[in-house]
């Protein structure tokens, strides 16, 4: 039922939002150049990698040493708008159609984080990742990593079709309210690091 629901909704949304795909692609091309899409390997079900899609929101500006500048320096006004409205996430509907993502599930993070998780945190990969999830409607990027992982694991232990519907409805409300987009004082979200060992 979940897969059928994902396919039905994602196909419908792709058709419905096709004008937005074209308009956003045009402005990203004009303001940021190519490529239009940001592509990155992310861990999916059981940690298996897949190609993750978003609209680009940052430039590729680098310093004299050839290293990318910090997120704040590279985030453009267009990128800020796309993130605030979550329109940068639209290409992930393609990931849902491909079967990489579900509409609802723990958000796919970075491949380099996989070795940093403890056994409890690793449970987030026992279900397919999603465009939105329990952590997203309960703080998104404004909460700590520890809180986020606890919410993800709670979803893994309690997920159901009705819970997914509830999360999707609350997500729509949160998107219109632009809540929890960024952490305070950070352009996007701070990196996750393994907690220090305690004696």
N, C-alpha and C. Protein backbone atom coordinates (compact mmCIF):
# COMPACT_ATOMS: atom_id res chain seq x y z
N UNK A 1 0.83 -1.20 0.00
CA UNK A 1 0.00 0.00 0.00
C UNK A 1 0.87 1.26 0.00
N UNK A 2 1.94 1.24 0.78
CA UNK A 2 2.82 2.42 0.88
C UNK A 2 3.45 2.75 -0.47
N UNK A 3 3.94 1.70 -1.18
CA UNK A 3 4.57 1.93 -2.47
C UNK A 3 3.55 2.43 -3.50
N UNK A 4 2.37 1.84 -3.51
CA UNK A 4 1.33 2.29 -4.44
C UNK A 4 0.94 3.73 -4.15
N UNK A 5 0.82 4.07 -2.87
CA UNK A 5 0.48 5.43 -2.48
C UNK A 5 1.59 6.40 -2.91
N UNK A 6 2.85 6.01 -2.68
CA UNK A 6 3.99 6.85 -3.09
C UNK A 6 3.96 7.14 -4.58
N UNK A 7 3.75 6.09 -5.38
CA UNK A 7 3.75 6.26 -6.84
C UNK A 7 2.58 7.13 -7.29
N UNK A 8 1.42 6.90 -6.76
CA UNK A 8 0.22 7.66 -7.17
C UNK A 8 0.39 9.13 -6.84
N UNK A 9 0.81 9.43 -5.61
CA UNK A 9 0.94 10.83 -5.19
C UNK A 9 2.10 11.51 -5.91
N UNK A 10 3.23 10.85 -6.02
CA UNK A 10 4.40 11.49 -6.65
C UNK A 10 4.16 11.76 -8.13
N UNK A 11 3.56 10.80 -8.85
CA UNK A 11 3.23 11.04 -10.26
C UNK A 11 2.26 12.21 -10.39
N UNK A 12 1.26 12.26 -9.54
CA UNK A 12 0.27 13.34 -9.58
C UNK A 12 0.92 14.70 -9.31
N UNK A 13 1.83 14.73 -8.33
CA UNK A 13 2.49 15.99 -7.98
C UNK A 13 3.45 16.44 -9.07
N UNK A 14 4.13 15.50 -9.71
CA UNK A 14 5.02 15.86 -10.81
C UNK A 14 4.23 16.52 -11.94
N UNK A 15 3.08 15.96 -12.26
CA UNK A 15 2.23 16.55 -13.30
C UNK A 15 1.71 17.92 -12.84
N UNK A 16 1.24 17.98 -11.60
CA UNK A 16 0.67 19.23 -11.08
C UNK A 16 1.70 20.34 -11.02
N UNK A 17 2.92 20.00 -10.60
CA UNK A 17 3.95 21.01 -10.41
C UNK A 17 4.91 21.13 -11.60
N UNK A 18 4.57 20.51 -12.72
CA UNK A 18 5.46 20.58 -13.88
C UNK A 18 5.78 22.02 -14.30
N UNK A 19 4.81 22.97 -14.23
CA UNK A 19 5.20 24.36 -14.55
C UNK A 19 6.26 24.91 -13.60
N UNK A 20 6.19 24.52 -12.33
CA UNK A 20 7.18 24.98 -11.36
C UNK A 20 8.55 24.38 -11.67
N UNK A 21 8.58 23.12 -12.11
CA UNK A 21 9.85 22.51 -12.51
C UNK A 21 10.51 23.34 -13.61
N UNK A 22 9.73 23.75 -14.59
CA UNK A 22 10.26 24.51 -15.71
C UNK A 22 10.70 25.90 -15.29
N UNK A 23 9.87 26.59 -14.50
CA UNK A 23 10.18 27.94 -14.06
C UNK A 23 11.41 27.96 -13.16
N UNK A 24 11.47 27.05 -12.19
CA UNK A 24 12.61 27.00 -11.28
C UNK A 24 13.89 26.63 -12.04
N UNK A 25 13.78 25.69 -12.97
CA UNK A 25 14.93 25.30 -13.77
C UNK A 25 15.48 26.49 -14.54
N UNK A 26 14.59 27.31 -15.10
CA UNK A 26 15.01 28.49 -15.85
C UNK A 26 15.77 29.46 -14.95
N UNK A 27 15.23 29.76 -13.78
CA UNK A 27 15.87 30.74 -12.89
C UNK A 27 17.18 30.20 -12.31
N UNK A 28 17.22 28.92 -12.00
CA UNK A 28 18.48 28.34 -11.51
C UNK A 28 19.55 28.43 -12.59
N UNK A 29 19.16 28.14 -13.83
CA UNK A 29 20.10 28.20 -14.96
C UNK A 29 20.62 29.62 -15.13
N UNK A 30 19.72 30.61 -15.03
CA UNK A 30 20.12 32.01 -15.23
C UNK A 30 20.96 32.52 -14.07
N UNK A 31 20.55 32.22 -12.84
CA UNK A 31 21.20 32.78 -11.67
C UNK A 31 22.45 31.99 -11.22
N UNK A 32 22.40 30.67 -11.38
CA UNK A 32 23.49 29.84 -10.87
C UNK A 32 24.24 29.09 -11.95
N UNK A 33 23.67 29.02 -13.14
CA UNK A 33 24.32 28.28 -14.22
C UNK A 33 24.05 26.79 -14.12
N UNK A 34 24.86 26.02 -14.79
CA UNK A 34 24.72 24.57 -14.79
C UNK A 34 25.64 23.94 -13.74
N UNK A 35 25.25 22.79 -13.21
CA UNK A 35 24.02 22.06 -13.49
C UNK A 35 22.83 22.64 -12.73
N UNK A 36 21.64 22.36 -13.19
CA UNK A 36 20.43 22.85 -12.54
C UNK A 36 20.14 22.04 -11.27
N UNK A 37 20.40 20.75 -11.35
CA UNK A 37 20.14 19.88 -10.21
C UNK A 37 21.40 19.64 -9.39
N UNK A 38 21.22 19.59 -8.09
CA UNK A 38 22.27 19.17 -7.17
C UNK A 38 22.11 17.66 -7.01
N UNK A 39 23.17 16.91 -7.29
CA UNK A 39 23.12 15.46 -7.20
C UNK A 39 24.18 14.99 -6.20
N UNK A 40 23.79 14.05 -5.36
CA UNK A 40 24.72 13.57 -4.34
C UNK A 40 24.32 12.16 -3.91
N UNK A 41 25.31 11.32 -3.65
CA UNK A 41 25.02 9.99 -3.13
C UNK A 41 24.56 10.11 -1.69
N UNK A 42 23.43 9.49 -1.38
CA UNK A 42 22.90 9.47 -0.02
C UNK A 42 22.58 8.02 0.35
N UNK A 43 22.58 7.69 1.64
CA UNK A 43 22.23 6.33 2.05
C UNK A 43 20.72 6.10 2.06
N UNK A 44 20.29 5.02 1.44
CA UNK A 44 18.88 4.68 1.41
C UNK A 44 18.57 3.54 2.36
N UNK A 45 17.63 2.69 1.97
CA UNK A 45 17.25 1.54 2.78
C UNK A 45 18.48 0.67 3.03
N UNK A 46 18.69 0.32 4.30
CA UNK A 46 19.85 -0.48 4.73
C UNK A 46 21.19 0.21 4.46
N UNK A 47 21.15 1.52 4.24
CA UNK A 47 22.37 2.27 4.02
C UNK A 47 22.91 2.18 2.60
N UNK A 48 22.18 1.53 1.70
CA UNK A 48 22.63 1.41 0.31
C UNK A 48 22.55 2.77 -0.39
N UNK A 49 23.60 3.16 -1.11
CA UNK A 49 23.64 4.50 -1.71
C UNK A 49 22.72 4.65 -2.92
N UNK A 50 22.19 5.84 -3.09
CA UNK A 50 21.42 6.19 -4.28
C UNK A 50 21.70 7.64 -4.63
N UNK A 51 21.39 8.01 -5.87
CA UNK A 51 21.61 9.39 -6.33
C UNK A 51 20.44 10.26 -5.91
N UNK A 52 20.73 11.25 -5.10
CA UNK A 52 19.72 12.12 -4.49
C UNK A 52 19.64 13.43 -5.28
N UNK A 53 18.43 13.92 -5.55
CA UNK A 53 18.24 15.12 -6.38
C UNK A 53 17.61 16.27 -5.60
N UNK A 54 18.12 17.47 -5.87
CA UNK A 54 17.51 18.71 -5.39
C UNK A 54 17.81 19.78 -6.44
N UNK A 55 17.03 20.86 -6.43
CA UNK A 55 17.42 22.02 -7.22
C UNK A 55 18.61 22.69 -6.53
N UNK A 56 19.55 23.15 -7.31
CA UNK A 56 20.71 23.84 -6.75
C UNK A 56 20.27 25.13 -6.06
N UNK A 57 20.87 25.41 -4.90
CA UNK A 57 20.57 26.65 -4.17
C UNK A 57 21.84 27.44 -3.88
N UNK A 58 23.01 26.88 -4.21
CA UNK A 58 24.28 27.54 -3.89
C UNK A 58 25.15 27.65 -5.13
N UNK A 59 26.05 28.62 -5.10
CA UNK A 59 27.04 28.74 -6.15
C UNK A 59 28.18 27.76 -5.88
N UNK A 60 29.11 27.68 -6.80
CA UNK A 60 30.29 26.83 -6.63
C UNK A 60 31.54 27.66 -6.35
N UNK A 61 31.35 28.82 -5.70
CA UNK A 61 32.48 29.70 -5.43
C UNK A 61 33.51 29.04 -4.52
N UNK A 62 34.77 29.23 -4.86
CA UNK A 62 35.87 28.64 -4.10
C UNK A 62 36.88 29.70 -3.69
N UNK A 63 37.69 29.38 -2.69
CA UNK A 63 38.74 30.31 -2.25
C UNK A 63 39.99 30.10 -3.09
N UNK A 64 41.05 30.82 -2.75
CA UNK A 64 42.28 30.76 -3.52
C UNK A 64 42.89 29.36 -3.54
N UNK A 65 42.61 28.58 -2.50
CA UNK A 65 43.15 27.22 -2.40
C UNK A 65 42.31 26.20 -3.18
N UNK A 66 41.18 26.66 -3.73
CA UNK A 66 40.33 25.77 -4.50
C UNK A 66 39.26 25.08 -3.69
N UNK A 67 39.13 25.45 -2.40
CA UNK A 67 38.12 24.85 -1.55
C UNK A 67 36.82 25.64 -1.64
N UNK A 68 35.69 24.94 -1.57
CA UNK A 68 34.39 25.61 -1.59
C UNK A 68 34.26 26.55 -0.40
N UNK A 69 33.67 27.71 -0.64
CA UNK A 69 33.39 28.64 0.45
C UNK A 69 32.32 28.06 1.35
N UNK A 70 32.13 28.65 2.54
CA UNK A 70 31.11 28.16 3.46
C UNK A 70 29.71 28.36 2.87
N UNK A 71 28.75 27.62 3.43
CA UNK A 71 27.38 27.65 2.91
C UNK A 71 26.80 29.06 2.88
N UNK A 72 27.05 29.84 3.93
CA UNK A 72 26.49 31.19 4.01
C UNK A 72 26.96 32.05 2.85
N UNK A 73 28.22 31.89 2.46
CA UNK A 73 28.78 32.68 1.37
C UNK A 73 28.24 32.26 0.01
N UNK A 74 27.86 31.00 -0.12
CA UNK A 74 27.45 30.47 -1.42
C UNK A 74 25.93 30.44 -1.61
N UNK A 75 25.18 30.61 -0.52
CA UNK A 75 23.72 30.57 -0.61
C UNK A 75 23.21 31.87 -1.21
N UNK A 76 22.47 31.79 -2.30
CA UNK A 76 21.99 32.96 -3.01
C UNK A 76 20.58 33.34 -2.55
N UNK A 77 20.13 34.56 -2.87
CA UNK A 77 18.73 34.92 -2.55
C UNK A 77 17.73 33.95 -3.17
N UNK A 78 17.99 33.51 -4.40
CA UNK A 78 17.13 32.52 -5.03
C UNK A 78 17.16 31.23 -4.22
N UNK A 79 18.36 30.82 -3.82
CA UNK A 79 18.49 29.59 -3.03
C UNK A 79 17.76 29.69 -1.70
N UNK A 80 17.86 30.86 -1.06
CA UNK A 80 17.16 31.08 0.21
C UNK A 80 15.66 30.94 0.03
N UNK A 81 15.14 31.51 -1.05
CA UNK A 81 13.70 31.41 -1.33
C UNK A 81 13.29 29.97 -1.58
N UNK A 82 14.07 29.25 -2.38
CA UNK A 82 13.74 27.86 -2.69
C UNK A 82 13.75 27.00 -1.43
N UNK A 83 14.72 27.25 -0.54
CA UNK A 83 14.78 26.48 0.70
C UNK A 83 13.63 26.84 1.63
N UNK A 84 13.33 28.13 1.72
CA UNK A 84 12.26 28.58 2.61
C UNK A 84 10.91 27.99 2.22
N UNK A 85 10.69 27.87 0.91
CA UNK A 85 9.42 27.35 0.41
C UNK A 85 9.47 25.84 0.17
N UNK A 86 10.64 25.23 0.37
CA UNK A 86 10.88 23.80 0.13
C UNK A 86 10.72 23.42 -1.34
N UNK A 87 10.73 24.40 -2.24
CA UNK A 87 10.64 24.10 -3.67
C UNK A 87 11.90 23.41 -4.19
N UNK A 88 13.01 23.58 -3.47
CA UNK A 88 14.25 22.90 -3.89
C UNK A 88 14.12 21.38 -3.77
N UNK A 89 13.11 20.92 -3.01
CA UNK A 89 12.93 19.48 -2.79
C UNK A 89 12.11 18.81 -3.90
N UNK A 90 11.52 19.57 -4.80
CA UNK A 90 10.62 18.99 -5.80
C UNK A 90 11.25 17.84 -6.61
N UNK A 91 12.52 17.94 -7.03
CA UNK A 91 13.10 16.83 -7.81
C UNK A 91 13.14 15.49 -7.06
N UNK A 92 12.97 15.53 -5.74
CA UNK A 92 12.97 14.27 -4.99
C UNK A 92 11.73 13.43 -5.30
N UNK A 93 10.73 14.03 -5.92
CA UNK A 93 9.59 13.24 -6.39
C UNK A 93 10.05 12.22 -7.42
N UNK A 94 11.09 12.57 -8.18
CA UNK A 94 11.67 11.62 -9.14
C UNK A 94 12.31 10.46 -8.38
N UNK A 95 12.97 10.77 -7.25
CA UNK A 95 13.53 9.71 -6.42
C UNK A 95 12.46 8.77 -5.90
N UNK A 96 11.28 9.33 -5.58
CA UNK A 96 10.18 8.49 -5.09
C UNK A 96 9.71 7.55 -6.20
N UNK A 97 9.55 8.08 -7.41
CA UNK A 97 9.12 7.25 -8.54
C UNK A 97 10.13 6.14 -8.80
N UNK A 98 11.41 6.46 -8.69
CA UNK A 98 12.47 5.47 -8.91
C UNK A 98 12.54 4.42 -7.80
N UNK A 99 11.93 4.72 -6.66
CA UNK A 99 11.97 3.78 -5.55
C UNK A 99 13.09 4.02 -4.57
N UNK A 100 13.85 5.11 -4.75
CA UNK A 100 14.94 5.44 -3.83
C UNK A 100 14.40 5.97 -2.51
N UNK A 101 13.35 6.79 -2.62
CA UNK A 101 12.74 7.44 -1.47
C UNK A 101 11.29 7.04 -1.35
N UNK A 102 10.76 7.24 -0.16
CA UNK A 102 9.31 7.21 0.06
C UNK A 102 8.88 8.65 0.30
N UNK A 103 7.62 8.93 0.25
CA UNK A 103 7.17 10.27 0.60
C UNK A 103 7.46 10.57 2.06
N UNK A 104 7.35 9.55 2.92
CA UNK A 104 7.57 9.72 4.36
C UNK A 104 8.61 8.72 4.86
N UNK A 105 9.55 9.22 5.62
CA UNK A 105 10.59 8.38 6.21
C UNK A 105 11.69 9.27 6.75
N UNK A 106 12.66 8.71 7.44
CA UNK A 106 13.79 9.53 7.92
C UNK A 106 14.51 10.18 6.74
N UNK A 107 14.88 11.43 6.88
CA UNK A 107 15.57 12.12 5.79
C UNK A 107 16.92 11.48 5.51
N UNK A 108 17.27 11.28 4.23
CA UNK A 108 18.59 10.73 3.91
C UNK A 108 19.68 11.78 4.16
N UNK A 109 20.68 11.42 4.93
CA UNK A 109 21.75 12.35 5.28
C UNK A 109 22.97 12.08 4.40
N UNK A 110 24.16 12.24 4.92
CA UNK A 110 25.36 12.06 4.11
C UNK A 110 25.95 10.67 4.29
N UNK A 111 26.56 10.13 3.24
CA UNK A 111 27.19 8.82 3.31
C UNK A 111 28.28 8.79 4.39
N UNK A 112 28.97 9.91 4.54
CA UNK A 112 30.09 9.95 5.49
C UNK A 112 29.64 9.87 6.95
N UNK A 113 28.33 10.03 7.19
CA UNK A 113 27.83 9.93 8.56
C UNK A 113 27.63 8.47 9.01
N UNK A 114 27.53 7.54 8.06
CA UNK A 114 27.19 6.16 8.39
C UNK A 114 28.09 5.56 9.48
N UNK A 115 29.42 5.74 9.42
CA UNK A 115 30.26 5.14 10.45
C UNK A 115 30.13 5.83 11.81
N UNK A 116 29.48 6.99 11.86
CA UNK A 116 29.40 7.77 13.10
C UNK A 116 28.20 7.38 13.96
N UNK A 117 27.23 6.68 13.39
CA UNK A 117 26.03 6.34 14.13
C UNK A 117 26.29 5.23 15.15
N UNK A 118 25.62 5.33 16.29
CA UNK A 118 25.62 4.19 17.21
C UNK A 118 24.53 3.22 16.75
N UNK A 119 24.40 2.07 17.44
CA UNK A 119 23.46 1.04 17.00
C UNK A 119 22.03 1.55 16.96
N UNK A 120 21.65 2.35 17.94
CA UNK A 120 20.29 2.88 17.98
C UNK A 120 20.03 3.83 16.82
N UNK A 121 20.95 4.74 16.57
CA UNK A 121 20.80 5.71 15.48
C UNK A 121 20.77 5.02 14.12
N UNK A 122 21.48 3.91 13.98
CA UNK A 122 21.53 3.18 12.71
C UNK A 122 20.19 2.59 12.32
N UNK A 123 19.28 2.46 13.29
CA UNK A 123 17.95 1.91 12.99
C UNK A 123 17.19 2.77 11.99
N UNK A 124 17.59 4.04 11.84
CA UNK A 124 16.89 4.91 10.90
C UNK A 124 16.96 4.39 9.47
N UNK A 125 17.90 3.48 9.20
CA UNK A 125 18.05 2.92 7.86
C UNK A 125 17.31 1.60 7.67
N UNK A 126 16.49 1.22 8.65
CA UNK A 126 15.70 -0.01 8.53
C UNK A 126 14.44 0.20 7.70
N UNK A 127 14.12 1.46 7.41
CA UNK A 127 13.01 1.78 6.51
C UNK A 127 13.55 2.68 5.41
N UNK A 128 12.80 2.78 4.33
CA UNK A 128 13.21 3.64 3.21
C UNK A 128 13.17 5.10 3.66
N UNK A 129 14.18 5.89 3.32
CA UNK A 129 14.16 7.31 3.69
C UNK A 129 13.04 8.05 2.96
N UNK A 130 12.74 9.27 3.42
CA UNK A 130 11.62 9.99 2.83
C UNK A 130 11.91 11.45 2.54
N UNK A 131 11.00 12.07 1.80
CA UNK A 131 11.09 13.50 1.54
C UNK A 131 10.79 14.27 2.82
N UNK A 132 9.83 13.77 3.58
CA UNK A 132 9.53 14.35 4.88
C UNK A 132 9.42 13.23 5.90
N UNK A 133 9.41 13.60 7.17
CA UNK A 133 9.36 12.56 8.19
C UNK A 133 8.95 13.10 9.54
N UNK A 134 8.97 12.23 10.53
CA UNK A 134 8.55 12.59 11.88
C UNK A 134 9.44 13.69 12.45
N UNK A 135 10.73 13.61 12.19
CA UNK A 135 11.66 14.65 12.68
C UNK A 135 11.40 15.98 11.98
N UNK A 136 11.01 15.94 10.70
CA UNK A 136 10.79 17.17 9.95
C UNK A 136 9.59 17.96 10.48
N UNK A 137 8.56 17.27 10.95
CA UNK A 137 7.39 18.00 11.45
C UNK A 137 7.52 18.32 12.94
N UNK A 138 8.62 17.85 13.55
CA UNK A 138 8.84 18.12 14.97
C UNK A 138 10.13 18.91 15.21
N UNK A 139 10.41 19.82 14.27
CA UNK A 139 11.54 20.70 14.47
C UNK A 139 12.47 20.85 13.28
N UNK A 140 12.50 19.82 12.42
CA UNK A 140 13.32 19.85 11.22
C UNK A 140 14.77 20.19 11.56
N UNK A 141 15.31 21.26 11.00
CA UNK A 141 16.71 21.62 11.24
C UNK A 141 16.92 22.48 12.48
N UNK A 142 15.85 22.82 13.19
CA UNK A 142 15.99 23.67 14.37
C UNK A 142 16.25 22.87 15.64
N UNK A 143 16.22 21.52 15.55
CA UNK A 143 16.47 20.69 16.72
C UNK A 143 17.86 20.06 16.63
N UNK A 144 18.32 19.50 17.74
CA UNK A 144 19.66 18.91 17.79
C UNK A 144 19.69 17.58 17.03
N UNK A 145 20.90 17.15 16.68
CA UNK A 145 21.06 15.86 16.03
C UNK A 145 20.50 14.74 16.90
N UNK A 146 20.77 14.79 18.20
CA UNK A 146 20.31 13.74 19.12
C UNK A 146 18.79 13.65 19.09
N UNK A 147 18.11 14.80 19.15
CA UNK A 147 16.65 14.82 19.10
C UNK A 147 16.14 14.29 17.76
N UNK A 148 16.82 14.69 16.70
CA UNK A 148 16.42 14.27 15.36
C UNK A 148 16.50 12.75 15.21
N UNK A 149 17.59 12.17 15.68
CA UNK A 149 17.74 10.73 15.56
C UNK A 149 16.73 9.97 16.41
N UNK A 150 16.44 10.49 17.59
CA UNK A 150 15.43 9.85 18.44
C UNK A 150 14.06 9.85 17.76
N UNK A 151 13.73 10.94 17.09
CA UNK A 151 12.46 11.02 16.37
C UNK A 151 12.45 10.07 15.17
N UNK A 152 13.58 9.96 14.48
CA UNK A 152 13.68 9.04 13.35
C UNK A 152 13.46 7.59 13.80
N UNK A 153 14.11 7.21 14.89
CA UNK A 153 14.00 5.85 15.39
C UNK A 153 12.58 5.58 15.90
N UNK A 154 11.96 6.60 16.51
CA UNK A 154 10.56 6.44 16.94
C UNK A 154 9.69 6.13 15.73
N UNK A 155 9.93 6.82 14.62
CA UNK A 155 9.14 6.56 13.41
C UNK A 155 9.35 5.13 12.93
N UNK A 156 10.61 4.67 12.92
CA UNK A 156 10.90 3.30 12.48
C UNK A 156 10.11 2.30 13.31
N UNK A 157 10.02 2.53 14.61
CA UNK A 157 9.34 1.61 15.52
C UNK A 157 7.82 1.71 15.47
N UNK A 158 7.30 2.83 14.94
CA UNK A 158 5.86 3.07 15.03
C UNK A 158 5.20 3.40 13.70
N UNK A 159 5.91 3.29 12.58
CA UNK A 159 5.36 3.76 11.32
C UNK A 159 4.13 2.95 10.90
N UNK A 160 3.22 3.66 10.27
CA UNK A 160 1.99 3.07 9.76
C UNK A 160 1.47 3.97 8.64
N UNK A 161 0.52 3.48 7.89
CA UNK A 161 -0.06 4.27 6.80
C UNK A 161 -0.75 5.52 7.33
N UNK A 162 -1.50 5.37 8.41
CA UNK A 162 -2.20 6.53 8.98
C UNK A 162 -1.22 7.56 9.53
N UNK A 163 -0.12 7.09 10.12
CA UNK A 163 0.89 8.03 10.60
C UNK A 163 1.51 8.78 9.44
N UNK A 164 1.75 8.09 8.32
CA UNK A 164 2.30 8.76 7.13
C UNK A 164 1.37 9.86 6.64
N UNK A 165 0.07 9.57 6.61
CA UNK A 165 -0.90 10.58 6.18
C UNK A 165 -0.84 11.80 7.11
N UNK A 166 -0.78 11.54 8.40
CA UNK A 166 -0.70 12.63 9.39
C UNK A 166 0.55 13.47 9.15
N UNK A 167 1.68 12.81 8.91
CA UNK A 167 2.95 13.53 8.69
C UNK A 167 2.87 14.38 7.42
N UNK A 168 2.27 13.84 6.36
CA UNK A 168 2.16 14.60 5.11
C UNK A 168 1.29 15.84 5.30
N UNK A 169 0.17 15.70 6.00
CA UNK A 169 -0.72 16.85 6.22
C UNK A 169 -0.04 17.93 7.06
N UNK A 170 0.66 17.51 8.11
CA UNK A 170 1.36 18.49 8.95
C UNK A 170 2.51 19.12 8.17
N UNK A 171 3.15 18.34 7.28
CA UNK A 171 4.24 18.89 6.46
C UNK A 171 3.75 20.04 5.60
N UNK A 172 2.59 19.86 4.98
CA UNK A 172 2.03 20.93 4.14
C UNK A 172 1.84 22.20 4.96
N UNK A 173 1.31 22.04 6.17
CA UNK A 173 1.11 23.19 7.06
C UNK A 173 2.45 23.84 7.42
N UNK A 174 3.45 23.01 7.75
CA UNK A 174 4.76 23.53 8.15
C UNK A 174 5.45 24.26 7.00
N UNK A 175 5.29 23.73 5.78
CA UNK A 175 5.92 24.36 4.62
C UNK A 175 5.35 25.75 4.41
N UNK A 176 4.03 25.89 4.53
CA UNK A 176 3.41 27.21 4.36
C UNK A 176 3.83 28.17 5.46
N UNK A 177 4.15 27.62 6.65
CA UNK A 177 4.60 28.46 7.75
C UNK A 177 6.11 28.68 7.74
N UNK A 178 6.83 27.94 6.87
CA UNK A 178 8.29 28.02 6.77
C UNK A 178 8.96 27.81 8.12
N UNK A 179 8.55 26.77 8.82
CA UNK A 179 9.07 26.51 10.16
C UNK A 179 10.23 25.52 10.13
N UNK A 180 11.29 25.83 10.94
CA UNK A 180 12.38 24.91 11.16
C UNK A 180 13.31 24.70 9.97
N UNK A 181 13.37 25.68 9.06
CA UNK A 181 14.18 25.51 7.86
C UNK A 181 15.67 25.38 8.19
N UNK A 182 16.17 26.31 9.00
CA UNK A 182 17.59 26.33 9.34
C UNK A 182 17.80 26.34 10.85
N UNK A 183 19.00 25.95 11.26
CA UNK A 183 19.38 26.12 12.65
C UNK A 183 19.76 27.58 12.85
N UNK A 184 19.50 28.11 14.04
CA UNK A 184 19.80 29.49 14.31
C UNK A 184 21.31 29.73 14.21
N UNK A 185 21.69 30.76 13.47
CA UNK A 185 23.09 31.10 13.32
C UNK A 185 23.82 30.30 12.27
N UNK A 186 23.10 29.41 11.55
CA UNK A 186 23.71 28.57 10.53
C UNK A 186 22.89 28.71 9.25
N UNK A 187 23.58 28.80 8.09
CA UNK A 187 22.87 28.99 6.82
C UNK A 187 21.99 27.80 6.48
N UNK A 188 22.46 26.60 6.80
CA UNK A 188 21.67 25.41 6.50
C UNK A 188 21.52 24.58 7.78
N UNK A 189 22.44 23.65 8.01
CA UNK A 189 22.43 22.85 9.23
C UNK A 189 23.86 22.46 9.55
N UNK A 190 24.21 22.44 10.84
CA UNK A 190 25.57 22.08 11.21
C UNK A 190 25.83 20.62 10.92
N UNK A 191 27.09 20.27 10.72
CA UNK A 191 27.47 18.90 10.40
C UNK A 191 27.34 18.02 11.64
N UNK A 192 27.04 16.75 11.40
CA UNK A 192 26.95 15.79 12.49
C UNK A 192 28.34 15.23 12.77
N UNK A 193 28.71 15.19 14.04
CA UNK A 193 29.98 14.60 14.45
C UNK A 193 29.72 13.61 15.56
N UNK A 194 30.57 12.57 15.62
CA UNK A 194 30.40 11.57 16.66
C UNK A 194 30.56 12.22 18.03
N UNK A 195 29.62 11.98 18.96
CA UNK A 195 29.76 12.56 20.31
C UNK A 195 31.05 12.10 20.96
N UNK A 196 31.63 12.98 21.79
CA UNK A 196 32.86 12.63 22.48
C UNK A 196 32.61 11.48 23.45
N UNK A 197 33.57 10.58 23.57
CA UNK A 197 33.44 9.46 24.48
C UNK A 197 33.52 9.95 25.93
N UNK A 198 32.67 9.41 26.78
CA UNK A 198 32.69 9.78 28.20
C UNK A 198 33.36 8.68 29.01
N UNK A 199 34.05 9.06 30.08
CA UNK A 199 34.76 8.08 30.90
C UNK A 199 33.81 7.48 31.93
